[in-house]
C-alpha cells in the first residue's frame, strides 16, 4: 500500500492562466477561487487568468494566487478521490496549503493569513535572492561568512532545496558578492532571482514580528496528520506550535532537503504535488530517486493522477 504525502508549492511557481481550466470545469474549484478573490484582492482572479505577468509576479498577488489554485485543486482532488495522506508539507508559502489540508486552518483563515503575509513581505526592506547551483553547502557557508566578515552587508542561506541547489538572500550588494565568490569556488551557476525582497533572511525580522501578532487573532486546530514544517524539518501537529513556526518561517531558512529526507525515513514512497508547476517534484527527483511522483495543477493532470492512483489501489 502506498504511503502518500501531499506537497504544496511556493512563490515562483505562478504563471498567467493558472487555475483557469480548473475554474471553468469544476464548481468546487470555482468557489475556492471566487472566495479568495473576495477575501484577498478584488482583481486577483483577473490577474491570475489574464495577467499582466508583472503584476502576478508581485508578492502581493503571487502568494494568494498560488495558494488559491493549490486549494482549488486539492478540493476537487478530494471530491473525486479521497485518500488521507500520511503527512503533508509545503515549500515556504506552500506550508499554508499543507496546514489547510491537515485541518489546522480553514479556507478563510488561509486566505487572510496569506494576504497579510504577502503584504508584510512586499513592504519589507528591499533586498535580493540568488540560486547557487552545484556548490556544496560547506563551500557556500564559507563564501557567506567571508562576505559578512568583510562588512559587505546582510546575507544568509535562505533555502536548502537540494544538495546541489541552495538559495541565498539578503542585501543586494552582499548577495552579488557571494555569487561572485561562489562562481570562483566552482559553482555551476549563480542566478539572481526575480523577487523584490530578501525572503527568509534577517531583513524580514520586522515582518516576522508583525505577522506573529496577526497570527494570534486566528483559530488554529491540532493537525489531523503531521505537517513537516519548514523552519526545523520536524513533524508538527499542535496548534500553538504552528502559530509560532509560521511567524518564524518568514525570516528563517526553508529546510526542504531535510524535510524530504525526513519523509524518506518515514518510508513515504508517493508524493502528490498539488498546485501550479512541478518545482517540488523536480527537487524530489534529485533527492529521492525511487519515489513515485504525481502533479495536480489542471484538469488533465488531476484526472490522470486520480486514475493512476485508483489503478494502483486495485492492483
C-alpha atoms as a PDB file:
ATOM      1  CA  UNK A   1       0.000   0.000   0.000  1.00  0.00           C
ATOM      2  CA  UNK A   2       1.345   3.425  -0.974  1.00  0.00           C
ATOM      3  CA  UNK A   3       2.399   5.798   1.775  1.00  0.00           C
ATOM      4  CA  UNK A   4       1.457   9.196   0.425  1.00  0.00           C
ATOM      5  CA  UNK A   5       2.444  12.783   1.217  1.00  0.00           C
ATOM      6  CA  UNK A   6       0.753  15.886  -0.169  1.00  0.00           C
ATOM      7  CA  UNK A   7       3.081  18.716  -1.216  1.00  0.00           C
ATOM      8  CA  UNK A   8       2.234  22.367  -1.895  1.00  0.00           C
ATOM      9  CA  UNK A   9       4.421  24.752  -3.937  1.00  0.00           C
ATOM     10  CA  UNK A  10       5.680  28.192  -3.005  1.00  0.00           C
ATOM     11  CA  UNK A  11       6.243  31.556  -4.650  1.00  0.00           C
ATOM     12  CA  UNK A  12       7.828  31.368  -8.085  1.00  0.00           C
ATOM     13  CA  UNK A  13       5.503  28.666  -9.418  1.00  0.00           C
ATOM     14  CA  UNK A  14       2.963  31.215 -10.645  1.00  0.00           C
ATOM     15  CA  UNK A  15       2.112  31.696 -14.339  1.00  0.00           C
ATOM     16  CA  UNK A  16      -0.566  33.663 -16.142  1.00  0.00           C
ATOM     17  CA  UNK A  17      -3.573  31.448 -16.837  1.00  0.00           C
ATOM     18  CA  UNK A  18      -3.034  29.098 -13.899  1.00  0.00           C
ATOM     19  CA  UNK A  19      -6.253  27.827 -12.362  1.00  0.00           C
ATOM     20  CA  UNK A  20      -8.455  28.922 -15.267  1.00  0.00           C
ATOM     21  CA  UNK A  21      -9.004  25.372 -16.513  1.00  0.00           C
ATOM     22  CA  UNK A  22      -9.960  24.185 -13.016  1.00  0.00           C
ATOM     23  CA  UNK A  23     -12.206  27.214 -12.557  1.00  0.00           C
ATOM     24  CA  UNK A  24     -14.120  26.573 -15.763  1.00  0.00           C
ATOM     25  CA  UNK A  25     -14.571  22.807 -15.298  1.00  0.00           C
ATOM     26  CA  UNK A  26     -15.225  22.267 -11.586  1.00  0.00           C
ATOM     27  CA  UNK A  27     -17.756  24.188  -9.443  1.00  0.00           C
ATOM     28  CA  UNK A  28     -15.786  23.377  -6.278  1.00  0.00           C
ATOM     29  CA  UNK A  29     -12.637  24.966  -7.700  1.00  0.00           C
ATOM     30  CA  UNK A  30     -14.641  27.971  -8.872  1.00  0.00           C
ATOM     31  CA  UNK A  31     -15.969  28.503  -5.355  1.00  0.00           C
ATOM     32  CA  UNK A  32     -12.485  28.433  -3.798  1.00  0.00           C
ATOM     33  CA  UNK A  33     -11.013  30.919  -6.286  1.00  0.00           C
ATOM     34  CA  UNK A  34     -14.036  33.224  -6.045  1.00  0.00           C
ATOM     35  CA  UNK A  35     -13.789  33.239  -2.257  1.00  0.00           C
ATOM     36  CA  UNK A  36     -10.070  34.041  -2.359  1.00  0.00           C
ATOM     37  CA  UNK A  37     -10.801  36.909  -4.730  1.00  0.00           C
ATOM     38  CA  UNK A  38     -13.439  38.196  -2.321  1.00  0.00           C
ATOM     39  CA  UNK A  39     -11.234  37.897   0.767  1.00  0.00           C
ATOM     40  CA  UNK A  40      -7.883  38.989  -0.680  1.00  0.00           C
ATOM     41  CA  UNK A  41      -7.957  41.258  -3.764  1.00  0.00           C
ATOM     42  CA  UNK A  42     -10.923  42.140  -5.992  1.00  0.00           C
ATOM     43  CA  UNK A  43      -8.840  41.685  -9.164  1.00  0.00           C
ATOM     44  CA  UNK A  44      -6.982  38.541  -8.038  1.00  0.00           C
ATOM     45  CA  UNK A  45      -8.831  36.194 -10.384  1.00  0.00           C
ATOM     46  CA  UNK A  46      -8.438  38.542 -13.342  1.00  0.00           C
ATOM     47  CA  UNK A  47      -4.685  38.884 -12.776  1.00  0.00           C
ATOM     48  CA  UNK A  48      -4.323  35.105 -12.385  1.00  0.00           C
ATOM     49  CA  UNK A  49      -6.171  34.314 -15.579  1.00  0.00           C
ATOM     50  CA  UNK A  50      -5.193  37.249 -17.800  1.00  0.00           C
ATOM     51  CA  UNK A  51      -2.137  38.927 -16.299  1.00  0.00           C
ATOM     52  CA  UNK A  52      -0.216  41.080 -16.775  1.00  0.00           C
ATOM     53  CA  UNK A  53       2.666  38.854 -15.737  1.00  0.00           C
ATOM     54  CA  UNK A  54       4.480  41.704 -13.971  1.00  0.00           C
ATOM     55  CA  UNK A  55       1.508  42.179 -11.653  1.00  0.00           C
ATOM     56  CA  UNK A  56       1.193  38.459 -10.969  1.00  0.00           C
ATOM     57  CA  UNK A  57       4.888  38.328 -10.029  1.00  0.00           C
ATOM     58  CA  UNK A  58       4.331  40.842  -7.239  1.00  0.00           C
ATOM     59  CA  UNK A  59       4.405  39.128  -3.859  1.00  0.00           C
ATOM     60  CA  UNK A  60       1.067  40.735  -3.022  1.00  0.00           C
ATOM     61  CA  UNK A  61      -0.589  38.825  -5.877  1.00  0.00           C
ATOM     62  CA  UNK A  62       1.656  35.790  -6.370  1.00  0.00           C
ATOM     63  CA  UNK A  63       1.242  34.311  -2.900  1.00  0.00           C
ATOM     64  CA  UNK A  64      -2.578  34.315  -2.659  1.00  0.00           C
ATOM     65  CA  UNK A  65      -2.864  33.343  -6.339  1.00  0.00           C
ATOM     66  CA  UNK A  66      -0.681  30.250  -5.911  1.00  0.00           C
ATOM     67  CA  UNK A  67      -2.427  29.222  -2.711  1.00  0.00           C
ATOM     68  CA  UNK A  68      -5.900  29.686  -4.219  1.00  0.00           C
ATOM     69  CA  UNK A  69      -5.044  27.417  -7.158  1.00  0.00           C
ATOM     70  CA  UNK A  70      -3.469  24.853  -4.832  1.00  0.00           C
ATOM     71  CA  UNK A  71      -6.516  24.720  -2.580  1.00  0.00           C
ATOM     72  CA  UNK A  72      -8.909  24.694  -5.551  1.00  0.00           C
ATOM     73  CA  UNK A  73      -7.031  21.688  -6.964  1.00  0.00           C
ATOM     74  CA  UNK A  74      -6.975  19.989  -3.543  1.00  0.00           C
ATOM     75  CA  UNK A  75     -10.730  20.481  -3.114  1.00  0.00           C
ATOM     76  CA  UNK A  76     -11.554  18.857  -6.461  1.00  0.00           C
ATOM     77  CA  UNK A  77      -9.000  16.104  -5.884  1.00  0.00           C
ATOM     78  CA  UNK A  78     -10.662  15.224  -2.588  1.00  0.00           C
ATOM     79  CA  UNK A  79     -14.120  15.300  -4.136  1.00  0.00           C
ATOM     80  CA  UNK A  80     -13.093  12.728  -6.715  1.00  0.00           C
ATOM     81  CA  UNK A  81     -10.538  10.686  -4.807  1.00  0.00           C
ATOM     82  CA  UNK A  82     -10.278  10.864  -1.049  1.00  0.00           C
ATOM     83  CA  UNK A  83      -7.149   9.255   0.305  1.00  0.00           C
ATOM     84  CA  UNK A  84      -5.855  10.541   3.604  1.00  0.00           C
ATOM     85  CA  UNK A  85      -2.102  11.161   3.249  1.00  0.00           C
ATOM     86  CA  UNK A  86       0.369  10.078   5.887  1.00  0.00           C
ATOM     87  CA  UNK A  87       1.567  13.672   6.144  1.00  0.00           C
ATOM     88  CA  UNK A  88       1.867  16.942   4.232  1.00  0.00           C
ATOM     89  CA  UNK A  89       4.492  19.596   3.576  1.00  0.00           C
ATOM     90  CA  UNK A  90       4.770  22.848   1.683  1.00  0.00           C
ATOM     91  CA  UNK A  91       7.654  24.979   0.484  1.00  0.00           C
ATOM     92  CA  UNK A  92       7.523  28.374   2.235  1.00  0.00           C
ATOM     93  CA  UNK A  93       4.126  29.782   1.147  1.00  0.00           C
ATOM     94  CA  UNK A  94       3.095  26.192   0.393  1.00  0.00           C
ATOM     95  CA  UNK A  95       3.084  25.393   4.100  1.00  0.00           C
ATOM     96  CA  UNK A  96      -0.320  27.110   4.271  1.00  0.00           C
ATOM     97  CA  UNK A  97      -1.658  24.591   1.782  1.00  0.00           C
ATOM     98  CA  UNK A  98      -0.350  21.791   3.990  1.00  0.00           C
ATOM     99  CA  UNK A  99      -1.985  23.334   7.069  1.00  0.00           C
ATOM    100  CA  UNK A 100      -5.317  23.611   5.284  1.00  0.00           C
ATOM    101  CA  UNK A 101      -5.074  20.024   4.041  1.00  0.00           C
ATOM    102  CA  UNK A 102      -4.388  18.840   7.607  1.00  0.00           C
ATOM    103  CA  UNK A 103      -7.346  20.785   9.043  1.00  0.00           C
ATOM    104  CA  UNK A 104      -5.221  23.241  11.026  1.00  0.00           C
ATOM    105  CA  UNK A 105      -6.826  26.331   9.425  1.00  0.00           C
ATOM    106  CA  UNK A 106      -9.997  26.862   7.413  1.00  0.00           C
ATOM    107  CA  UNK A 107     -10.222  28.370   3.932  1.00  0.00           C
ATOM    108  CA  UNK A 108     -10.953  31.930   5.049  1.00  0.00           C
ATOM    109  CA  UNK A 109      -8.110  31.883   7.552  1.00  0.00           C
ATOM    110  CA  UNK A 110      -5.715  30.577   4.902  1.00  0.00           C
ATOM    111  CA  UNK A 111      -6.680  33.381   2.533  1.00  0.00           C
ATOM    112  CA  UNK A 112      -6.466  36.157   5.110  1.00  0.00           C
ATOM    113  CA  UNK A 113      -3.234  34.917   6.665  1.00  0.00           C
ATOM    114  CA  UNK A 114      -1.515  34.761   3.294  1.00  0.00           C
ATOM    115  CA  UNK A 115      -2.882  38.160   2.304  1.00  0.00           C
ATOM    116  CA  UNK A 116      -1.262  39.674   5.419  1.00  0.00           C
ATOM    117  CA  UNK A 117       1.927  37.679   4.929  1.00  0.00           C
ATOM    118  CA  UNK A 118       2.249  38.863   1.330  1.00  0.00           C
ATOM    119  CA  UNK A 119       1.632  42.492   2.309  1.00  0.00           C
ATOM    120  CA  UNK A 120       4.262  42.409   5.050  1.00  0.00           C
ATOM    121  CA  UNK A 121       6.825  40.671   2.885  1.00  0.00           C
ATOM    122  CA  UNK A 122       6.282  43.049  -0.021  1.00  0.00           C
ATOM    123  CA  UNK A 123       6.612  46.067   2.279  1.00  0.00           C
ATOM    124  CA  UNK A 124       9.790  44.752   3.973  1.00  0.00           C
ATOM    125  CA  UNK A 125      13.192  46.344   3.238  1.00  0.00           C
ATOM    126  CA  UNK A 126      14.315  45.711  -0.325  1.00  0.00           C
ATOM    127  CA  UNK A 127      16.850  43.007  -0.969  1.00  0.00           C
ATOM    128  CA  UNK A 128      17.717  40.197  -3.345  1.00  0.00           C
ATOM    129  CA  UNK A 129      17.880  36.415  -3.639  1.00  0.00           C
ATOM    130  CA  UNK A 130      20.015  34.153  -5.801  1.00  0.00           C
ATOM    131  CA  UNK A 131      20.094  30.445  -6.580  1.00  0.00           C
ATOM    132  CA  UNK A 132      23.511  28.794  -6.262  1.00  0.00           C
ATOM    133  CA  UNK A 133      23.779  25.567  -8.246  1.00  0.00           C
ATOM    134  CA  UNK A 134      26.429  22.893  -7.948  1.00  0.00           C
ATOM    135  CA  UNK A 135      28.343  24.185  -4.926  1.00  0.00           C
ATOM    136  CA  UNK A 136      28.494  22.157  -1.677  1.00  0.00           C
ATOM    137  CA  UNK A 137      26.862  23.739   1.357  1.00  0.00           C
ATOM    138  CA  UNK A 138      30.181  23.902   3.246  1.00  0.00           C
ATOM    139  CA  UNK A 139      31.769  25.996   0.497  1.00  0.00           C
ATOM    140  CA  UNK A 140      28.780  28.297   0.227  1.00  0.00           C
ATOM    141  CA  UNK A 141      28.877  28.760   4.015  1.00  0.00           C
ATOM    142  CA  UNK A 142      32.475  29.936   3.676  1.00  0.00           C
ATOM    143  CA  UNK A 143      31.550  32.437   0.968  1.00  0.00           C
ATOM    144  CA  UNK A 144      28.672  33.806   3.058  1.00  0.00           C
ATOM    145  CA  UNK A 145      30.863  34.097   6.149  1.00  0.00           C
ATOM    146  CA  UNK A 146      33.609  35.856   4.173  1.00  0.00           C
ATOM    147  CA  UNK A 147      31.179  38.493   2.879  1.00  0.00           C
ATOM    148  CA  UNK A 148      29.777  39.036   6.368  1.00  0.00           C
ATOM    149  CA  UNK A 149      33.258  39.391   7.856  1.00  0.00           C
ATOM    150  CA  UNK A 150      34.201  41.927   5.207  1.00  0.00           C
ATOM    151  CA  UNK A 151      31.177  44.008   6.336  1.00  0.00           C
ATOM    152  CA  UNK A 152      29.619  43.758   2.907  1.00  0.00           C
ATOM    153  CA  UNK A 153      26.132  43.523   4.349  1.00  0.00           C
ATOM    154  CA  UNK A 154      23.485  41.048   5.418  1.00  0.00           C
ATOM    155  CA  UNK A 155      23.355  37.707   3.569  1.00  0.00           C
ATOM    156  CA  UNK A 156      22.379  34.170   4.545  1.00  0.00           C
ATOM    157  CA  UNK A 157      21.433  30.820   3.067  1.00  0.00           C
ATOM    158  CA  UNK A 158      17.656  31.030   2.763  1.00  0.00           C
ATOM    159  CA  UNK A 159      16.597  27.794   1.050  1.00  0.00           C
ATOM    160  CA  UNK A 160      18.204  24.389   1.403  1.00  0.00           C
ATOM    161  CA  UNK A 161      16.372  22.889  -1.573  1.00  0.00           C
ATOM    162  CA  UNK A 162      18.661  20.017  -2.618  1.00  0.00           C
ATOM    163  CA  UNK A 163      22.313  19.198  -2.125  1.00  0.00           C
ATOM    164  CA  UNK A 164      23.002  20.878  -5.484  1.00  0.00           C
ATOM    165  CA  UNK A 165      20.572  23.795  -5.193  1.00  0.00           C
ATOM    166  CA  UNK A 166      20.830  26.397  -2.440  1.00  0.00           C
ATOM    167  CA  UNK A 167      19.371  29.904  -2.335  1.00  0.00           C
ATOM    168  CA  UNK A 168      20.941  32.932  -0.649  1.00  0.00           C
ATOM    169  CA  UNK A 169      19.097  36.035   0.499  1.00  0.00           C
ATOM    170  CA  UNK A 170      19.957  39.459   1.879  1.00  0.00           C
ATOM    171  CA  UNK A 171      21.086  42.914   0.846  1.00  0.00           C
ATOM    172  CA  UNK A 172      21.688  43.072  -2.909  1.00  0.00           C
ATOM    173  CA  UNK A 173      25.364  44.027  -2.691  1.00  0.00           C
ATOM    174  CA  UNK A 174      26.049  41.165  -0.286  1.00  0.00           C
ATOM    175  CA  UNK A 175      24.134  38.646  -2.396  1.00  0.00           C
ATOM    176  CA  UNK A 176      26.062  39.719  -5.500  1.00  0.00           C
ATOM    177  CA  UNK A 177      29.353  39.421  -3.617  1.00  0.00           C
ATOM    178  CA  UNK A 178      28.525  35.859  -2.524  1.00  0.00           C
ATOM    179  CA  UNK A 179      27.513  34.990  -6.104  1.00  0.00           C
ATOM    180  CA  UNK A 180      30.926  36.125  -7.332  1.00  0.00           C
ATOM    181  CA  UNK A 181      32.757  34.072  -4.684  1.00  0.00           C
ATOM    182  CA  UNK A 182      30.545  31.048  -5.393  1.00  0.00           C
ATOM    183  CA  UNK A 183      31.486  31.142  -9.083  1.00  0.00           C
ATOM    184  CA  UNK A 184      35.166  31.416  -8.176  1.00  0.00           C
ATOM    185  CA  UNK A 185      34.732  28.372  -5.910  1.00  0.00           C
ATOM    186  CA  UNK A 186      33.296  26.295  -8.732  1.00  0.00           C
ATOM    187  CA  UNK A 187      29.529  26.799  -8.648  1.00  0.00           C
ATOM    188  CA  UNK A 188      27.891  25.746 -11.912  1.00  0.00           C
ATOM    189  CA  UNK A 189      25.581  28.769 -11.815  1.00  0.00           C
ATOM    190  CA  UNK A 190      24.703  31.726  -9.596  1.00  0.00           C
ATOM    191  CA  UNK A 191      21.374  33.118 -10.743  1.00  0.00           C
ATOM    192  CA  UNK A 192      19.744  36.266  -9.375  1.00  0.00           C
ATOM    193  CA  UNK A 193      16.054  35.540  -8.771  1.00  0.00           C
ATOM    194  CA  UNK A 194      13.227  37.832  -9.941  1.00  0.00           C
ATOM    195  CA  UNK A 195      11.940  38.711  -6.460  1.00  0.00           C
ATOM    196  CA  UNK A 196      11.652  42.074  -4.762  1.00  0.00           C
ATOM    197  CA  UNK A 197      12.589  41.064  -1.251  1.00  0.00           C
ATOM    198  CA  UNK A 198      15.160  39.196   0.800  1.00  0.00           C
ATOM    199  CA  UNK A 199      12.797  36.456   1.950  1.00  0.00           C
ATOM    200  CA  UNK A 200      13.846  34.077   4.733  1.00  0.00           C
ATOM    201  CA  UNK A 201      16.610  36.415   5.879  1.00  0.00           C
ATOM    202  CA  UNK A 202      17.135  38.795   8.824  1.00  0.00           C
ATOM    203  CA  UNK A 203      15.737  41.621   6.659  1.00  0.00           C
ATOM    204  CA  UNK A 204      12.340  40.002   7.276  1.00  0.00           C
ATOM    205  CA  UNK A 205      12.548  40.342  11.074  1.00  0.00           C
ATOM    206  CA  UNK A 206      10.057  43.191  11.342  1.00  0.00           C
ATOM    207  CA  UNK A 207       7.614  41.439   9.028  1.00  0.00           C
ATOM    208  CA  UNK A 208       8.007  38.255  11.071  1.00  0.00           C
ATOM    209  CA  UNK A 209       7.244  40.042  14.350  1.00  0.00           C
ATOM    210  CA  UNK A 210       4.207  41.836  12.915  1.00  0.00           C
ATOM    211  CA  UNK A 211       2.889  38.607  11.447  1.00  0.00           C
ATOM    212  CA  UNK A 212       3.356  36.867  14.781  1.00  0.00           C
ATOM    213  CA  UNK A 213       0.921  39.327  16.361  1.00  0.00           C
ATOM    214  CA  UNK A 214      -1.552  38.913  13.496  1.00  0.00           C
ATOM    215  CA  UNK A 215      -1.492  35.111  13.707  1.00  0.00           C
ATOM    216  CA  UNK A 216      -2.657  35.283  17.340  1.00  0.00           C
ATOM    217  CA  UNK A 217      -6.069  36.528  16.184  1.00  0.00           C
ATOM    218  CA  UNK A 218      -6.842  33.321  14.252  1.00  0.00           C
ATOM    219  CA  UNK A 219      -8.169  29.978  15.406  1.00  0.00           C
ATOM    220  CA  UNK A 220      -5.818  27.049  14.823  1.00  0.00           C
ATOM    221  CA  UNK A 221      -6.565  23.355  15.362  1.00  0.00           C
ATOM    222  CA  UNK A 222      -4.352  20.368  16.007  1.00  0.00           C
ATOM    223  CA  UNK A 223      -3.493  18.666  12.723  1.00  0.00           C
ATOM    224  CA  UNK A 224      -5.340  15.562  11.563  1.00  0.00           C
ATOM    225  CA  UNK A 225      -1.998  14.258  10.293  1.00  0.00           C
ATOM    226  CA  UNK A 226       1.534  15.643  10.739  1.00  0.00           C
ATOM    227  CA  UNK A 227       2.868  18.586   8.743  1.00  0.00           C
ATOM    228  CA  UNK A 228       6.615  18.744   8.171  1.00  0.00           C
ATOM    229  CA  UNK A 229       7.414  22.363   8.989  1.00  0.00           C
ATOM    230  CA  UNK A 230       9.965  24.465   7.094  1.00  0.00           C
ATOM    231  CA  UNK A 231      11.818  26.057   9.987  1.00  0.00           C
ATOM    232  CA  UNK A 232      13.000  22.810  11.583  1.00  0.00           C
ATOM    233  CA  UNK A 233      12.068  19.936   9.212  1.00  0.00           C
ATOM    234  CA  UNK A 234      10.118  18.292  12.039  1.00  0.00           C
ATOM    235  CA  UNK A 235       6.687  16.697  12.323  1.00  0.00           C
ATOM    236  CA  UNK A 236       4.264  19.189  13.824  1.00  0.00           C
ATOM    237  CA  UNK A 237       0.685  18.592  14.976  1.00  0.00           C
ATOM    238  CA  UNK A 238      -0.064  21.048  17.817  1.00  0.00           C
ATOM    239  CA  UNK A 239      -1.964  24.250  17.030  1.00  0.00           C
ATOM    240  CA  UNK A 240       0.200  26.586  19.107  1.00  0.00           C
ATOM    241  CA  UNK A 241       3.395  25.294  17.518  1.00  0.00           C
ATOM    242  CA  UNK A 242       2.031  26.162  14.082  1.00  0.00           C
ATOM    243  CA  UNK A 243       1.348  29.735  15.182  1.00  0.00           C
ATOM    244  CA  UNK A 244       4.904  30.177  16.400  1.00  0.00           C
ATOM    245  CA  UNK A 245       6.534  28.497  13.421  1.00  0.00           C
ATOM    246  CA  UNK A 246       4.541  30.424  10.798  1.00  0.00           C
ATOM    247  CA  UNK A 247       5.782  33.722  12.185  1.00  0.00           C
ATOM    248  CA  UNK A 248       9.364  32.495  12.428  1.00  0.00           C
ATOM    249  CA  UNK A 249       9.222  30.987   8.936  1.00  0.00           C
ATOM    250  CA  UNK A 250       9.236  34.398   7.235  1.00  0.00           C
ATOM    251  CA  UNK A 251      12.795  35.140   8.431  1.00  0.00           C
ATOM    252  CA  UNK A 252      14.139  31.585   8.805  1.00  0.00           C
ATOM    253  CA  UNK A 253      15.662  29.275   6.180  1.00  0.00           C
ATOM    254  CA  UNK A 254      13.444  26.783   4.355  1.00  0.00           C
ATOM    255  CA  UNK A 255      14.871  23.355   5.216  1.00  0.00           C
ATOM    256  CA  UNK A 256      13.383  21.478   2.287  1.00  0.00           C
ATOM    257  CA  UNK A 257      16.203  18.957   1.796  1.00  0.00           C
ATOM    258  CA  UNK A 258      15.967  17.906   5.444  1.00  0.00           C
ATOM    259  CA  UNK A 259      12.172  17.763   5.158  1.00  0.00           C
ATOM    260  CA  UNK A 260      12.306  15.379   2.204  1.00  0.00           C
ATOM    261  CA  UNK A 261      14.929  13.226   3.927  1.00  0.00           C
ATOM    262  CA  UNK A 262      12.675  13.026   6.987  1.00  0.00           C
ATOM    263  CA  UNK A 263       9.774  11.874   4.800  1.00  0.00           C
ATOM    264  CA  UNK A 264      12.070   9.333   3.194  1.00  0.00           C
ATOM    265  CA  UNK A 265      12.957   7.940   6.624  1.00  0.00           C
ATOM    266  CA  UNK A 266       9.224   7.582   7.240  1.00  0.00           C
ATOM    267  CA  UNK A 267       9.189   5.444   4.063  1.00  0.00           C
ATOM    268  CA  UNK A 268       6.867   7.804   2.220  1.00  0.00           C
ATOM    269  CA  UNK A 269       7.016   6.473  -1.327  1.00  0.00           C
ATOM    270  CA  UNK A 270       4.387   8.554  -3.138  1.00  0.00           C
ATOM    271  CA  UNK A 271       4.323  12.350  -3.397  1.00  0.00           C
ATOM    272  CA  UNK A 272       1.422  14.316  -4.873  1.00  0.00           C
ATOM    273  CA  UNK A 273       2.321  17.952  -5.607  1.00  0.00           C
ATOM    274  CA  UNK A 274      -0.911  19.946  -5.562  1.00  0.00           C
ATOM    275  CA  UNK A 275      -0.762  23.391  -7.148  1.00  0.00           C
ATOM    276  CA  UNK A 276       0.804  25.180 -10.108  1.00  0.00           C
ATOM    277  CA  UNK A 277       4.076  23.947 -11.573  1.00  0.00           C
ATOM    278  CA  UNK A 278       6.293  20.946 -10.912  1.00  0.00           C
ATOM    279  CA  UNK A 279       9.049  22.535  -8.851  1.00  0.00           C
ATOM    280  CA  UNK A 280       8.788  20.316  -5.778  1.00  0.00           C
ATOM    281  CA  UNK A 281       8.543  17.004  -7.594  1.00  0.00           C
ATOM    282  CA  UNK A 282      11.536  18.159  -9.643  1.00  0.00           C
ATOM    283  CA  UNK A 283      13.518  18.640  -6.429  1.00  0.00           C
ATOM    284  CA  UNK A 284      12.417  15.291  -5.020  1.00  0.00           C
ATOM    285  CA  UNK A 285      13.681  13.514  -8.160  1.00  0.00           C
ATOM    286  CA  UNK A 286      17.160  14.732  -7.238  1.00  0.00           C
ATOM    287  CA  UNK A 287      16.864  13.796  -3.545  1.00  0.00           C
ATOM    288  CA  UNK A 288      14.791  10.598  -3.569  1.00  0.00           C
ATOM    289  CA  UNK A 289      15.153   8.864  -6.924  1.00  0.00           C
ATOM    290  CA  UNK A 290      12.903   5.894  -6.072  1.00  0.00           C
ATOM    291  CA  UNK A 291       9.853   7.990  -5.150  1.00  0.00           C
ATOM    292  CA  UNK A 292       6.652   7.887  -7.195  1.00  0.00           C
ATOM    293  CA  UNK A 293       5.648  11.414  -8.154  1.00  0.00           C
ATOM    294  CA  UNK A 294       2.375  12.994  -9.280  1.00  0.00           C
ATOM    295  CA  UNK A 295       1.261  16.550 -10.038  1.00  0.00           C
ATOM    296  CA  UNK A 296      -2.213  18.059  -9.783  1.00  0.00           C
ATOM    297  CA  UNK A 297      -2.415  21.535 -11.339  1.00  0.00           C
ATOM    298  CA  UNK A 298      -5.116  21.409 -14.061  1.00  0.00           C
ATOM    299  CA  UNK A 299      -7.989  19.153 -15.135  1.00  0.00           C
ATOM    300  CA  UNK A 300      -5.807  16.827 -17.224  1.00  0.00           C
ATOM    301  CA  UNK A 301      -3.175  16.232 -14.529  1.00  0.00           C
ATOM    302  CA  UNK A 302      -5.896  15.890 -11.893  1.00  0.00           C
ATOM    303  CA  UNK A 303      -7.846  13.233 -13.801  1.00  0.00           C
ATOM    304  CA  UNK A 304      -4.662  11.370 -14.817  1.00  0.00           C
ATOM    305  CA  UNK A 305      -3.368  11.288 -11.246  1.00  0.00           C
ATOM    306  CA  UNK A 306      -6.687  10.057  -9.856  1.00  0.00           C
ATOM    307  CA  UNK A 307      -6.973   7.329 -12.499  1.00  0.00           C
ATOM    308  CA  UNK A 308      -3.419   6.137 -11.849  1.00  0.00           C
ATOM    309  CA  UNK A 309      -3.833   6.114  -8.073  1.00  0.00           C
ATOM    310  CA  UNK A 310      -7.062   4.119  -8.330  1.00  0.00           C
ATOM    311  CA  UNK A 311      -5.333   1.561 -10.554  1.00  0.00           C
ATOM    312  CA  UNK A 312      -2.523   1.208  -8.001  1.00  0.00           C
ATOM    313  CA  UNK A 313      -5.019   0.525  -5.222  1.00  0.00           C
ATOM    314  CA  UNK A 314      -6.785  -2.152  -7.284  1.00  0.00           C
ATOM    315  CA  UNK A 315      -3.516  -3.850  -8.031  1.00  0.00           C
END
